[in-house]
Amino acid sequence: MNLSHGDKYYQNIYAKEVKKIETKLSQLLKGRKPKSLYDPCEYIITGGGKRLRPFIVLLACKAVGAKFSDAYNAAIGVEVLHNFTLVHDDIMDNAKIRRGRPTTHIKFDTNTAILAGDNLIAEAYHSLLKDCKDNDKLVLDTFTKGITEICEGQSYDKDFENQQKVTIDEYKTMILKKTAVMVQMCCSIGAQIGKGTKKEVRALENYGRNLGMAFQIQDDLLDIFGDEKEFGKTVGGDLIEGKKTFLFLKAFEKAKGKDLAELKKVITNSGVRKNQIKKYRDLYISLGVIDETEKEVEKYTKYALRSLKNINDSESKEMLIWLANTLIKRSK
């Protein structure tokens, strides 16, 4: 996330809270045995990243009148869960790099990565429960439903690789479940732990859902146009794996003749070779799908910001606005 565009005050809060989150993650599994399980678990959760999701939990908690400190454990819980999903995603996608490092199944082996990922689900619940008070059933229900929908989204994603025709609406359903639901869940849990009203919880859930949609479509854009060192993943990885992203589906809608034939090859061959990525990047540019994708990101960002009208805490509201605007300018 490129933080150079944000207000310095909010950048400092973000940096301070992320530092606390990093410290808590580094201590979470310290000294646990067997090392064959906990070494890969530590490798997973201390691998860096934006720590966006736990920060959103904290912001949502503060936005309803509570304190960051009321939700630190819950924030750690959602970050551990997020990292679990990445481990299993990487195995299913045959990904070799994550955040500039070998993925867990490459660093260790596939069986170890699966077991470590499974263990992280339990650790996520354990952390979450520490911040639950008298509304633990509601918070746990939100968390569990989120996990189910994330799995559904991942299943749709895999289905689409072998599906000859996918509509943009179907794609949006997939990213809603796979990505946006997690951000919505972070907002919901933070607001619930902070004892927000139903109106406040609903407003923050809407913010999270729309922000998550914008985030994933932006991620599709960065996958093909990002810098590999900054992005931390193989650029063009979605094309290599034959994923039907927003850009691909929009290009497929607009293409004719030779261009359409080239796009059909991606489906027929279940992906492309790495040396073909530039050709498809140029095709996206010539078809004008870059502008359309950027407009889609802006649209969902505006929906997210509109949802904040029911949030009364002015500082929290400004921070949520700053975060949304920062994310659409990110380069990784």
C-alpha atoms as a PDB file:
ATOM      1  CA  MET A   1       0.000   0.000   0.000  1.00  0.00           C
ATOM      2  CA  ASN A   2       1.483   3.309  -1.046  1.00  0.00           C
ATOM      3  CA  LEU A   3       1.062   5.515   2.008  1.00  0.00           C
ATOM      4  CA  SER A   4       2.798   8.589   0.600  1.00  0.00           C
ATOM      5  CA  HIS A   5      -0.516  10.021  -0.616  1.00  0.00           C
ATOM      6  CA  GLY A   6      -2.320  10.032   2.722  1.00  0.00           C
ATOM      7  CA  ASP A   7      -2.532  12.567   5.464  1.00  0.00           C
ATOM      8  CA  LYS A   8       0.593  12.343   7.648  1.00  0.00           C
ATOM      9  CA  TYR A   9      -1.416  12.119  10.847  1.00  0.00           C
ATOM     10  CA  TYR A  10      -3.332   9.031   9.672  1.00  0.00           C
ATOM     11  CA  GLN A  11      -0.211   7.476   8.204  1.00  0.00           C
ATOM     12  CA  ASN A  12       1.438   7.714  11.617  1.00  0.00           C
ATOM     13  CA  ILE A  13      -1.532   6.080  13.356  1.00  0.00           C
ATOM     14  CA  TYR A  14      -1.534   3.300  10.769  1.00  0.00           C
ATOM     15  CA  ALA A  15       2.229   2.738  11.164  1.00  0.00           C
ATOM     16  CA  LYS A  16       1.981   2.732  14.964  1.00  0.00           C
ATOM     17  CA  GLU A  17      -0.871   0.227  15.035  1.00  0.00           C
ATOM     18  CA  VAL A  18       0.717  -2.049  12.426  1.00  0.00           C
ATOM     19  CA  LYS A  19       3.878  -2.120  14.549  1.00  0.00           C
ATOM     20  CA  LYS A  20       1.811  -3.295  17.518  1.00  0.00           C
ATOM     21  CA  ILE A  21       0.125  -5.934  15.372  1.00  0.00           C
ATOM     22  CA  GLU A  22       3.504  -7.174  14.107  1.00  0.00           C
ATOM     23  CA  THR A  23       4.784  -7.450  17.689  1.00  0.00           C
ATOM     24  CA  LYS A  24       1.723  -9.396  18.822  1.00  0.00           C
ATOM     25  CA  LEU A  25       1.971 -11.748  15.815  1.00  0.00           C
ATOM     26  CA  SER A  26       5.669 -12.371  16.499  1.00  0.00           C
ATOM     27  CA  GLN A  27       4.849 -13.382  20.080  1.00  0.00           C
ATOM     28  CA  LEU A  28       1.713 -15.398  19.347  1.00  0.00           C
ATOM     29  CA  LEU A  29       3.345 -18.804  18.841  1.00  0.00           C
ATOM     30  CA  LYS A  30       6.709 -18.215  20.517  1.00  0.00           C
ATOM     31  CA  GLY A  31       8.262 -21.355  22.035  1.00  0.00           C
ATOM     32  CA  ARG A  32       5.439 -23.672  20.943  1.00  0.00           C
ATOM     33  CA  LYS A  33       6.201 -27.279  20.043  1.00  0.00           C
ATOM     34  CA  PRO A  34       6.489 -29.319  17.917  1.00  0.00           C
ATOM     35  CA  LYS A  35       8.706 -27.081  15.826  1.00  0.00           C
ATOM     36  CA  SER A  36       7.688 -29.056  12.721  1.00  0.00           C
ATOM     37  CA  LEU A  37       4.228 -27.470  13.108  1.00  0.00           C
ATOM     38  CA  TYR A  38       4.970 -24.095  14.684  1.00  0.00           C
ATOM     39  CA  ASP A  39       7.999 -23.075  12.607  1.00  0.00           C
ATOM     40  CA  PRO A  40       5.900 -23.024   9.403  1.00  0.00           C
ATOM     41  CA  CYS A  41       3.024 -21.367  11.301  1.00  0.00           C
ATOM     42  CA  GLU A  42       5.379 -18.577  12.414  1.00  0.00           C
ATOM     43  CA  TYR A  43       6.769 -18.331   8.882  1.00  0.00           C
ATOM     44  CA  ILE A  44       3.222 -17.740   7.645  1.00  0.00           C
ATOM     45  CA  ILE A  45       2.068 -15.115  10.134  1.00  0.00           C
ATOM     46  CA  THR A  46       5.320 -13.142  10.296  1.00  0.00           C
ATOM     47  CA  GLY A  47       5.702 -12.837   6.522  1.00  0.00           C
ATOM     48  CA  GLY A  48       4.756  -9.176   6.402  1.00  0.00           C
ATOM     49  CA  GLY A  49       2.003  -7.633   4.341  1.00  0.00           C
ATOM     50  CA  LYS A  50      -0.091  -4.516   4.742  1.00  0.00           C
ATOM     51  CA  ARG A  51      -1.899  -5.782   7.872  1.00  0.00           C
ATOM     52  CA  LEU A  52      -4.897  -4.022   6.389  1.00  0.00           C
ATOM     53  CA  ARG A  53      -7.552  -6.349   7.798  1.00  0.00           C
ATOM     54  CA  PRO A  54      -6.557  -6.117  11.473  1.00  0.00           C
ATOM     55  CA  PHE A  55      -6.249  -2.347  11.129  1.00  0.00           C
ATOM     56  CA  ILE A  56      -9.821  -2.241   9.783  1.00  0.00           C
ATOM     57  CA  VAL A  57     -11.020  -4.230  12.818  1.00  0.00           C
ATOM     58  CA  LEU A  58      -9.436  -1.583  15.070  1.00  0.00           C
ATOM     59  CA  LEU A  59     -10.886   1.318  13.054  1.00  0.00           C
ATOM     60  CA  ALA A  60     -14.386  -0.185  13.095  1.00  0.00           C
ATOM     61  CA  CYS A  61     -14.177  -0.685  16.857  1.00  0.00           C
ATOM     62  CA  LYS A  62     -13.106   2.936  17.392  1.00  0.00           C
ATOM     63  CA  ALA A  63     -15.733   4.204  14.929  1.00  0.00           C
ATOM     64  CA  VAL A  64     -18.534   3.062  17.278  1.00  0.00           C
ATOM     65  CA  GLY A  65     -17.004   4.761  20.325  1.00  0.00           C
ATOM     66  CA  ALA A  66     -14.685   2.084  21.750  1.00  0.00           C
ATOM     67  CA  LYS A  67     -10.873   1.948  21.857  1.00  0.00           C
ATOM     68  CA  PHE A  68      -8.276   0.211  19.693  1.00  0.00           C
ATOM     69  CA  SER A  69      -7.200  -1.757  22.768  1.00  0.00           C
ATOM     70  CA  ASP A  70     -10.648  -3.365  23.019  1.00  0.00           C
ATOM     71  CA  ALA A  71     -10.089  -5.252  19.776  1.00  0.00           C
ATOM     72  CA  TYR A  72      -6.388  -6.140  19.483  1.00  0.00           C
ATOM     73  CA  ASN A  73      -6.972  -9.855  19.970  1.00  0.00           C
ATOM     74  CA  ALA A  74      -9.818  -9.887  17.470  1.00  0.00           C
ATOM     75  CA  ALA A  75      -7.593  -8.017  15.017  1.00  0.00           C
ATOM     76  CA  ILE A  76      -4.904 -10.690  15.432  1.00  0.00           C
ATOM     77  CA  GLY A  77      -7.572 -13.363  14.932  1.00  0.00           C
ATOM     78  CA  VAL A  78      -8.689 -12.035  11.550  1.00  0.00           C
ATOM     79  CA  GLU A  79      -5.093 -11.550  10.395  1.00  0.00           C
ATOM     80  CA  VAL A  80      -4.237 -15.146  11.313  1.00  0.00           C
ATOM     81  CA  LEU A  81      -7.355 -16.297   9.455  1.00  0.00           C
ATOM     82  CA  HIS A  82      -6.400 -14.203   6.422  1.00  0.00           C
ATOM     83  CA  ASN A  83      -2.957 -15.786   6.370  1.00  0.00           C
ATOM     84  CA  PHE A  84      -4.506 -19.251   6.559  1.00  0.00           C
ATOM     85  CA  THR A  85      -6.535 -18.480   3.419  1.00  0.00           C
ATOM     86  CA  LEU A  86      -3.390 -17.318   1.606  1.00  0.00           C
ATOM     87  CA  VAL A  87      -1.537 -20.557   2.388  1.00  0.00           C
ATOM     88  CA  HIS A  88      -4.319 -22.695   0.951  1.00  0.00           C
ATOM     89  CA  ASP A  89      -4.812 -20.330  -2.007  1.00  0.00           C
ATOM     90  CA  ASP A  90      -1.118 -20.631  -2.851  1.00  0.00           C
ATOM     91  CA  ILE A  91      -1.292 -24.431  -2.803  1.00  0.00           C
ATOM     92  CA  MET A  92      -4.370 -24.463  -5.042  1.00  0.00           C
ATOM     93  CA  ASP A  93      -2.852 -21.885  -7.417  1.00  0.00           C
ATOM     94  CA  ASN A  94       0.601 -23.515  -7.530  1.00  0.00           C
ATOM     95  CA  ALA A  95       2.031 -20.127  -6.502  1.00  0.00           C
ATOM     96  CA  LYS A  96       5.754 -19.998  -5.781  1.00  0.00           C
ATOM     97  CA  ILE A  97       6.100 -16.460  -4.379  1.00  0.00           C
ATOM     98  CA  ARG A  98       4.106 -14.605  -1.733  1.00  0.00           C
ATOM     99  CA  ARG A  99       5.193 -11.208  -0.401  1.00  0.00           C
ATOM    100  CA  GLY A 100       8.561 -11.616  -2.074  1.00  0.00           C
ATOM    101  CA  ARG A 101       9.329 -14.942  -0.335  1.00  0.00           C
ATOM    102  CA  PRO A 102       8.841 -18.612  -1.243  1.00  0.00           C
ATOM    103  CA  THR A 103       5.280 -19.694  -0.450  1.00  0.00           C
ATOM    104  CA  THR A 104       4.864 -22.006   2.537  1.00  0.00           C
ATOM    105  CA  HIS A 105       4.410 -25.199   0.512  1.00  0.00           C
ATOM    106  CA  ILE A 106       7.577 -24.377  -1.450  1.00  0.00           C
ATOM    107  CA  LYS A 107       9.608 -23.422   1.644  1.00  0.00           C
ATOM    108  CA  PHE A 108       8.523 -26.559   3.537  1.00  0.00           C
ATOM    109  CA  ASP A 109       6.241 -28.997   1.682  1.00  0.00           C
ATOM    110  CA  THR A 110       2.562 -29.232   0.767  1.00  0.00           C
ATOM    111  CA  ASN A 111       1.487 -31.486   3.639  1.00  0.00           C
ATOM    112  CA  THR A 112       3.212 -29.241   6.174  1.00  0.00           C
ATOM    113  CA  ALA A 113       1.580 -26.136   4.657  1.00  0.00           C
ATOM    114  CA  ILE A 114      -1.891 -27.726   4.843  1.00  0.00           C
ATOM    115  CA  LEU A 115      -1.403 -28.758   8.478  1.00  0.00           C
ATOM    116  CA  ALA A 116      -0.003 -25.346   9.450  1.00  0.00           C
ATOM    117  CA  GLY A 117      -2.936 -23.640   7.737  1.00  0.00           C
ATOM    118  CA  ASP A 118      -5.440 -25.840   9.574  1.00  0.00           C
ATOM    119  CA  ASN A 119      -3.758 -25.042  12.895  1.00  0.00           C
ATOM    120  CA  LEU A 120      -4.012 -21.330  12.175  1.00  0.00           C
ATOM    121  CA  ILE A 121      -7.819 -21.546  12.040  1.00  0.00           C
ATOM    122  CA  ALA A 122      -7.815 -22.779  15.641  1.00  0.00           C
ATOM    123  CA  GLU A 123      -5.366 -20.025  16.629  1.00  0.00           C
ATOM    124  CA  ALA A 124      -7.622 -17.440  14.958  1.00  0.00           C
ATOM    125  CA  TYR A 125     -10.637 -18.530  17.034  1.00  0.00           C
ATOM    126  CA  HIS A 126      -8.532 -18.603  20.184  1.00  0.00           C
ATOM    127  CA  SER A 127      -7.425 -14.994  19.662  1.00  0.00           C
ATOM    128  CA  LEU A 128     -10.911 -13.790  18.719  1.00  0.00           C
ATOM    129  CA  LEU A 129     -12.508 -15.264  21.841  1.00  0.00           C
ATOM    130  CA  LYS A 130     -10.241 -13.172  24.094  1.00  0.00           C
ATOM    131  CA  ASP A 131     -12.068  -9.987  23.042  1.00  0.00           C
ATOM    132  CA  CYS A 132     -15.593 -11.437  23.067  1.00  0.00           C
ATOM    133  CA  LYS A 133     -17.708 -10.363  26.010  1.00  0.00           C
ATOM    134  CA  ASP A 134     -21.455 -10.917  26.333  1.00  0.00           C
ATOM    135  CA  ASN A 135     -21.932 -10.919  22.543  1.00  0.00           C
ATOM    136  CA  ASP A 136     -19.561 -13.816  21.836  1.00  0.00           C
ATOM    137  CA  LYS A 137     -22.221 -15.843  19.985  1.00  0.00           C
ATOM    138  CA  LEU A 138     -22.868 -12.982  17.534  1.00  0.00           C
ATOM    139  CA  VAL A 139     -19.151 -12.338  16.929  1.00  0.00           C
ATOM    140  CA  LEU A 140     -18.363 -16.038  16.468  1.00  0.00           C
ATOM    141  CA  ASP A 141     -21.334 -16.438  14.115  1.00  0.00           C
ATOM    142  CA  THR A 142     -20.077 -13.536  11.981  1.00  0.00           C
ATOM    143  CA  PHE A 143     -16.556 -14.996  11.937  1.00  0.00           C
ATOM    144  CA  THR A 144     -17.721 -18.522  11.064  1.00  0.00           C
ATOM    145  CA  LYS A 145     -20.083 -17.360   8.304  1.00  0.00           C
ATOM    146  CA  GLY A 146     -17.187 -15.345   6.894  1.00  0.00           C
ATOM    147  CA  ILE A 147     -14.983 -18.448   6.707  1.00  0.00           C
ATOM    148  CA  THR A 148     -17.745 -20.386   4.921  1.00  0.00           C
ATOM    149  CA  GLU A 149     -18.230 -17.650   2.321  1.00  0.00           C
ATOM    150  CA  ILE A 150     -14.486 -17.308   1.747  1.00  0.00           C
ATOM    151  CA  CYS A 151     -14.327 -21.050   1.004  1.00  0.00           C
ATOM    152  CA  GLU A 152     -17.298 -20.695  -1.354  1.00  0.00           C
ATOM    153  CA  GLY A 153     -15.524 -17.853  -3.140  1.00  0.00           C
ATOM    154  CA  GLN A 154     -12.343 -19.881  -3.530  1.00  0.00           C
ATOM    155  CA  SER A 155     -14.390 -22.764  -4.944  1.00  0.00           C
ATOM    156  CA  TYR A 156     -16.031 -20.462  -7.496  1.00  0.00           C
ATOM    157  CA  ASP A 157     -12.581 -19.159  -8.421  1.00  0.00           C
ATOM    158  CA  LYS A 158     -11.334 -22.673  -9.149  1.00  0.00           C
ATOM    159  CA  ASP A 159     -14.563 -23.566 -11.026  1.00  0.00           C
ATOM    160  CA  PHE A 160     -14.127 -20.552 -13.286  1.00  0.00           C
ATOM    161  CA  GLU A 161     -10.712 -21.774 -14.471  1.00  0.00           C
ATOM    162  CA  ASN A 162     -12.415 -24.713 -16.208  1.00  0.00           C
ATOM    163  CA  GLN A 163     -15.642 -22.935 -17.113  1.00  0.00           C
ATOM    164  CA  GLN A 164     -15.709 -21.816 -20.730  1.00  0.00           C
ATOM    165  CA  LYS A 165     -17.983 -18.833 -20.147  1.00  0.00           C
ATOM    166  CA  VAL A 166     -18.043 -16.626 -17.063  1.00  0.00           C
ATOM    167  CA  THR A 167     -20.039 -13.406 -16.835  1.00  0.00           C
ATOM    168  CA  ILE A 168     -18.868 -10.284 -15.036  1.00  0.00           C
ATOM    169  CA  ASP A 169     -21.785 -10.707 -12.604  1.00  0.00           C
ATOM    170  CA  GLU A 170     -20.587 -14.232 -11.778  1.00  0.00           C
ATOM    171  CA  TYR A 171     -17.074 -12.893 -11.298  1.00  0.00           C
ATOM    172  CA  LYS A 172     -18.391 -10.238  -8.908  1.00  0.00           C
ATOM    173  CA  THR A 173     -20.201 -12.880  -6.861  1.00  0.00           C
ATOM    174  CA  MET A 174     -16.928 -14.784  -6.609  1.00  0.00           C
ATOM    175  CA  ILE A 175     -14.835 -11.811  -5.424  1.00  0.00           C
ATOM    176  CA  LEU A 176     -17.603 -10.734  -3.061  1.00  0.00           C
ATOM    177  CA  LYS A 177     -17.268 -14.054  -1.272  1.00  0.00           C
ATOM    178  CA  LYS A 178     -13.541 -14.605  -1.677  1.00  0.00           C
ATOM    179  CA  THR A 179     -12.277 -11.109  -0.815  1.00  0.00           C
ATOM    180  CA  ALA A 180     -14.962  -8.562   0.059  1.00  0.00           C
ATOM    181  CA  VAL A 181     -16.658 -10.707   2.718  1.00  0.00           C
ATOM    182  CA  MET A 182     -13.407 -10.810   4.695  1.00  0.00           C
ATOM    183  CA  VAL A 183     -13.208  -6.999   4.789  1.00  0.00           C
ATOM    184  CA  GLN A 184     -16.925  -6.802   5.633  1.00  0.00           C
ATOM    185  CA  MET A 185     -16.344  -9.322   8.427  1.00  0.00           C
ATOM    186  CA  CYS A 186     -13.479  -7.225   9.830  1.00  0.00           C
ATOM    187  CA  CYS A 187     -15.746  -4.187   9.999  1.00  0.00           C
ATOM    188  CA  SER A 188     -18.608  -6.168  11.499  1.00  0.00           C
ATOM    189  CA  ILE A 189     -16.498  -7.836  14.198  1.00  0.00           C
ATOM    190  CA  GLY A 190     -14.761  -4.587  15.147  1.00  0.00           C
ATOM    191  CA  ALA A 191     -18.092  -2.785  15.438  1.00  0.00           C
ATOM    192  CA  GLN A 192     -19.685  -5.652  17.395  1.00  0.00           C
ATOM    193  CA  ILE A 193     -16.800  -5.819  19.878  1.00  0.00           C
ATOM    194  CA  GLY A 194     -17.038  -2.035  20.240  1.00  0.00           C
ATOM    195  CA  LYS A 195     -20.763  -2.426  21.072  1.00  0.00           C
ATOM    196  CA  GLY A 196     -21.971  -0.469  18.064  1.00  0.00           C
ATOM    197  CA  THR A 197     -25.670  -0.080  17.290  1.00  0.00           C
ATOM    198  CA  LYS A 198     -27.266  -2.181  14.553  1.00  0.00           C
ATOM    199  CA  LYS A 199     -27.274   0.900  12.328  1.00  0.00           C
ATOM    200  CA  GLU A 200     -23.542   1.489  12.904  1.00  0.00           C
ATOM    201  CA  VAL A 201     -22.665  -2.180  12.363  1.00  0.00           C
ATOM    202  CA  ARG A 202     -24.643  -2.246   9.113  1.00  0.00           C
ATOM    203  CA  ALA A 203     -23.006   0.982   7.878  1.00  0.00           C
ATOM    204  CA  LEU A 204     -19.520  -0.379   8.546  1.00  0.00           C
ATOM    205  CA  GLU A 205     -20.356  -3.733   6.950  1.00  0.00           C
ATOM    206  CA  ASN A 206     -21.444  -1.887   3.796  1.00  0.00           C
ATOM    207  CA  TYR A 207     -18.218   0.102   3.869  1.00  0.00           C
ATOM    208  CA  GLY A 208     -16.155  -3.076   4.210  1.00  0.00           C
ATOM    209  CA  ARG A 209     -17.989  -4.994   1.508  1.00  0.00           C
ATOM    210  CA  ASN A 210     -17.618  -2.225  -1.083  1.00  0.00           C
ATOM    211  CA  LEU A 211     -14.032  -1.497  -0.095  1.00  0.00           C
ATOM    212  CA  GLY A 212     -13.274  -5.199  -0.511  1.00  0.00           C
ATOM    213  CA  MET A 213     -14.770  -5.189  -4.018  1.00  0.00           C
ATOM    214  CA  ALA A 214     -12.667  -2.156  -4.983  1.00  0.00           C
ATOM    215  CA  PHE A 215      -9.576  -3.742  -3.435  1.00  0.00           C
ATOM    216  CA  GLN A 216      -9.901  -6.999  -5.397  1.00  0.00           C
ATOM    217  CA  ILE A 217     -10.554  -5.333  -8.753  1.00  0.00           C
ATOM    218  CA  GLN A 218      -7.528  -3.114  -8.094  1.00  0.00           C
ATOM    219  CA  ASP A 219      -5.590  -6.297  -7.279  1.00  0.00           C
ATOM    220  CA  ASP A 220      -6.574  -7.715 -10.675  1.00  0.00           C
ATOM    221  CA  LEU A 221      -5.148  -4.575 -12.253  1.00  0.00           C
ATOM    222  CA  LEU A 222      -1.908  -4.768 -10.270  1.00  0.00           C
ATOM    223  CA  ASP A 223      -1.490  -8.436 -11.150  1.00  0.00           C
ATOM    224  CA  ILE A 224      -0.861  -7.525 -14.766  1.00  0.00           C
ATOM    225  CA  PHE A 225       0.499  -3.975 -14.427  1.00  0.00           C
ATOM    226  CA  GLY A 226       2.284  -4.030 -11.065  1.00  0.00           C
ATOM    227  CA  ASP A 227       5.997  -4.133 -10.374  1.00  0.00           C
ATOM    228  CA  GLU A 228       6.961  -7.648  -9.249  1.00  0.00           C
ATOM    229  CA  LYS A 229       9.304  -6.412  -6.488  1.00  0.00           C
ATOM    230  CA  GLU A 230       6.680  -4.075  -5.061  1.00  0.00           C
ATOM    231  CA  PHE A 231       3.709  -6.374  -5.689  1.00  0.00           C
ATOM    232  CA  GLY A 232       5.432  -9.311  -3.948  1.00  0.00           C
ATOM    233  CA  LYS A 233       3.910 -11.872  -6.326  1.00  0.00           C
ATOM    234  CA  THR A 234       4.575 -13.049  -9.858  1.00  0.00           C
ATOM    235  CA  VAL A 235       3.205 -10.343 -12.173  1.00  0.00           C
ATOM    236  CA  GLY A 236       0.792 -11.911 -14.642  1.00  0.00           C
ATOM    237  CA  GLY A 237       0.142 -14.825 -12.284  1.00  0.00           C
ATOM    238  CA  ASP A 238      -3.604 -14.677 -12.931  1.00  0.00           C
ATOM    239  CA  LEU A 239      -3.060 -15.047 -16.678  1.00  0.00           C
ATOM    240  CA  ILE A 240      -0.538 -17.846 -16.181  1.00  0.00           C
ATOM    241  CA  GLU A 241      -3.112 -19.727 -14.106  1.00  0.00           C
ATOM    242  CA  GLY A 242      -5.926 -18.955 -16.573  1.00  0.00           C
ATOM    243  CA  LYS A 243      -7.971 -16.941 -14.067  1.00  0.00           C
ATOM    244  CA  LYS A 244     -10.888 -14.948 -15.439  1.00  0.00           C
ATOM    245  CA  THR A 245     -10.303 -11.573 -13.811  1.00  0.00           C
ATOM    246  CA  PHE A 246     -12.310  -8.389 -14.337  1.00  0.00           C
ATOM    247  CA  LEU A 247      -9.803  -7.256 -16.979  1.00  0.00           C
ATOM    248  CA  PHE A 248      -9.935 -10.544 -18.856  1.00  0.00           C
ATOM    249  CA  LEU A 249     -13.737 -10.710 -18.862  1.00  0.00           C
ATOM    250  CA  LYS A 250     -14.074  -7.070 -19.911  1.00  0.00           C
ATOM    251  CA  ALA A 251     -11.529  -7.643 -22.703  1.00  0.00           C
ATOM    252  CA  PHE A 252     -13.443 -10.760 -23.781  1.00  0.00           C
ATOM    253  CA  GLU A 253     -16.649  -8.696 -23.980  1.00  0.00           C
ATOM    254  CA  LYS A 254     -15.030  -6.062 -26.212  1.00  0.00           C
ATOM    255  CA  ALA A 255     -12.647  -8.087 -28.386  1.00  0.00           C
ATOM    256  CA  LYS A 256     -13.302  -9.118 -31.997  1.00  0.00           C
ATOM    257  CA  GLY A 257     -11.456 -11.046 -34.684  1.00  0.00           C
ATOM    258  CA  LYS A 258      -7.801 -11.818 -33.911  1.00  0.00           C
ATOM    259  CA  ASP A 259      -7.996 -10.228 -30.464  1.00  0.00           C
ATOM    260  CA  LEU A 260     -10.891 -12.459 -29.476  1.00  0.00           C
ATOM    261  CA  ALA A 261      -9.057 -15.501 -30.830  1.00  0.00           C
ATOM    262  CA  GLU A 262      -6.041 -14.655 -28.630  1.00  0.00           C
ATOM    263  CA  LEU A 263      -8.246 -14.410 -25.553  1.00  0.00           C
ATOM    264  CA  LYS A 264      -9.943 -17.717 -26.373  1.00  0.00           C
ATOM    265  CA  LYS A 265      -6.492 -19.343 -26.353  1.00  0.00           C
ATOM    266  CA  VAL A 266      -6.141 -18.450 -22.671  1.00  0.00           C
ATOM    267  CA  ILE A 267      -9.286 -20.469 -21.940  1.00  0.00           C
ATOM    268  CA  THR A 268      -8.369 -23.364 -24.258  1.00  0.00           C
ATOM    269  CA  ASN A 269      -4.842 -23.651 -22.863  1.00  0.00           C
ATOM    270  CA  SER A 270      -5.876 -23.011 -19.222  1.00  0.00           C
ATOM    271  CA  GLY A 271      -3.492 -20.077 -19.030  1.00  0.00           C
ATOM    272  CA  VAL A 272      -0.470 -18.588 -20.769  1.00  0.00           C
ATOM    273  CA  ARG A 273       3.313 -18.859 -20.590  1.00  0.00           C
ATOM    274  CA  LYS A 274       5.227 -16.166 -18.715  1.00  0.00           C
ATOM    275  CA  ASN A 275       6.782 -14.853 -21.953  1.00  0.00           C
ATOM    276  CA  GLN A 276       3.270 -14.159 -23.305  1.00  0.00           C
ATOM    277  CA  ILE A 277       2.195 -11.799 -20.525  1.00  0.00           C
ATOM    278  CA  LYS A 278       3.376  -8.635 -22.317  1.00  0.00           C
ATOM    279  CA  LYS A 279       1.283  -9.538 -25.371  1.00  0.00           C
ATOM    280  CA  TYR A 280      -1.880  -9.741 -23.286  1.00  0.00           C
ATOM    281  CA  ARG A 281      -1.001  -6.604 -21.327  1.00  0.00           C
ATOM    282  CA  ASP A 282      -0.737  -4.739 -24.644  1.00  0.00           C
ATOM    283  CA  LEU A 283      -4.046  -6.255 -25.730  1.00  0.00           C
ATOM    284  CA  TYR A 284      -5.772  -4.997 -22.579  1.00  0.00           C
ATOM    285  CA  ILE A 285      -4.406  -1.514 -23.230  1.00  0.00           C
ATOM    286  CA  SER A 286      -5.524  -1.484 -26.877  1.00  0.00           C
ATOM    287  CA  LEU A 287      -9.040  -2.616 -25.916  1.00  0.00           C
ATOM    288  CA  GLY A 288      -9.357   0.166 -23.339  1.00  0.00           C
ATOM    289  CA  VAL A 289     -10.148  -2.121 -20.430  1.00  0.00           C
ATOM    290  CA  ILE A 290      -7.677  -0.369 -18.128  1.00  0.00           C
ATOM    291  CA  ASP A 291      -9.817   2.779 -17.912  1.00  0.00           C
ATOM    292  CA  GLU A 292     -12.955   0.712 -17.383  1.00  0.00           C
ATOM    293  CA  THR A 293     -11.301  -1.265 -14.592  1.00  0.00           C
ATOM    294  CA  GLU A 294     -10.116   1.921 -12.867  1.00  0.00           C
ATOM    295  CA  LYS A 295     -13.660   3.321 -13.090  1.00  0.00           C
ATOM    296  CA  GLU A 296     -15.011   0.163 -11.476  1.00  0.00           C
ATOM    297  CA  VAL A 297     -12.546   0.555  -8.596  1.00  0.00           C
ATOM    298  CA  GLU A 298     -13.616   4.185  -8.150  1.00  0.00           C
ATOM    299  CA  LYS A 299     -17.307   3.212  -8.242  1.00  0.00           C
ATOM    300  CA  TYR A 300     -17.018   0.730  -5.370  1.00  0.00           C
ATOM    301  CA  THR A 301     -14.816   3.125  -3.424  1.00  0.00           C
ATOM    302  CA  LYS A 302     -17.537   5.788  -3.676  1.00  0.00           C
ATOM    303  CA  TYR A 303     -20.137   3.251  -2.471  1.00  0.00           C
ATOM    304  CA  ALA A 304     -17.894   2.492   0.508  1.00  0.00           C
ATOM    305  CA  LEU A 305     -17.504   6.169   1.413  1.00  0.00           C
ATOM    306  CA  ARG A 306     -21.229   6.801   1.071  1.00  0.00           C
ATOM    307  CA  SER A 307     -21.871   4.125   3.712  1.00  0.00           C
ATOM    308  CA  LEU A 308     -20.082   6.188   6.366  1.00  0.00           C
ATOM    309  CA  LYS A 309     -22.836   8.807   6.676  1.00  0.00           C
ATOM    310  CA  ASN A 310     -24.201   6.913   9.701  1.00  0.00           C
ATOM    311  CA  ILE A 311     -20.880   6.987  11.575  1.00  0.00           C
ATOM    312  CA  ASN A 312     -20.752   9.783  14.144  1.00  0.00           C
ATOM    313  CA  ASP A 313     -17.130   9.582  15.323  1.00  0.00           C
ATOM    314  CA  SER A 314     -15.574  12.193  13.047  1.00  0.00           C
ATOM    315  CA  GLU A 315     -11.926  11.162  13.465  1.00  0.00           C
ATOM    316  CA  SER A 316     -12.696   7.496  12.760  1.00  0.00           C
ATOM    317  CA  LYS A 317     -14.794   8.482   9.766  1.00  0.00           C
ATOM    318  CA  GLU A 318     -11.942  10.585   8.361  1.00  0.00           C
ATOM    319  CA  MET A 319      -9.511   7.698   8.876  1.00  0.00           C
ATOM    320  CA  LEU A 320     -11.837   5.297   7.042  1.00  0.00           C
ATOM    321  CA  ILE A 321     -12.128   7.805   4.178  1.00  0.00           C
ATOM    322  CA  TRP A 322      -8.338   8.212   4.112  1.00  0.00           C
ATOM    323  CA  LEU A 323      -7.850   4.430   4.029  1.00  0.00           C
ATOM    324  CA  ALA A 324     -10.255   3.926   1.119  1.00  0.00           C
ATOM    325  CA  ASN A 325      -8.673   6.711  -0.927  1.00  0.00           C
ATOM    326  CA  THR A 326      -5.183   5.412  -0.162  1.00  0.00           C
ATOM    327  CA  LEU A 327      -6.033   1.895  -1.312  1.00  0.00           C
ATOM    328  CA  ILE A 328      -7.126   2.958  -4.780  1.00  0.00           C
ATOM    329  CA  LYS A 329      -3.761   4.691  -5.264  1.00  0.00           C
ATOM    330  CA  ARG A 330      -1.677   1.742  -4.071  1.00  0.00           C
ATOM    331  CA  SER A 331       0.999   0.061  -6.178  1.00  0.00           C
ATOM    332  CA  LYS A 332       1.160  -3.218  -4.260  1.00  0.00           C
END
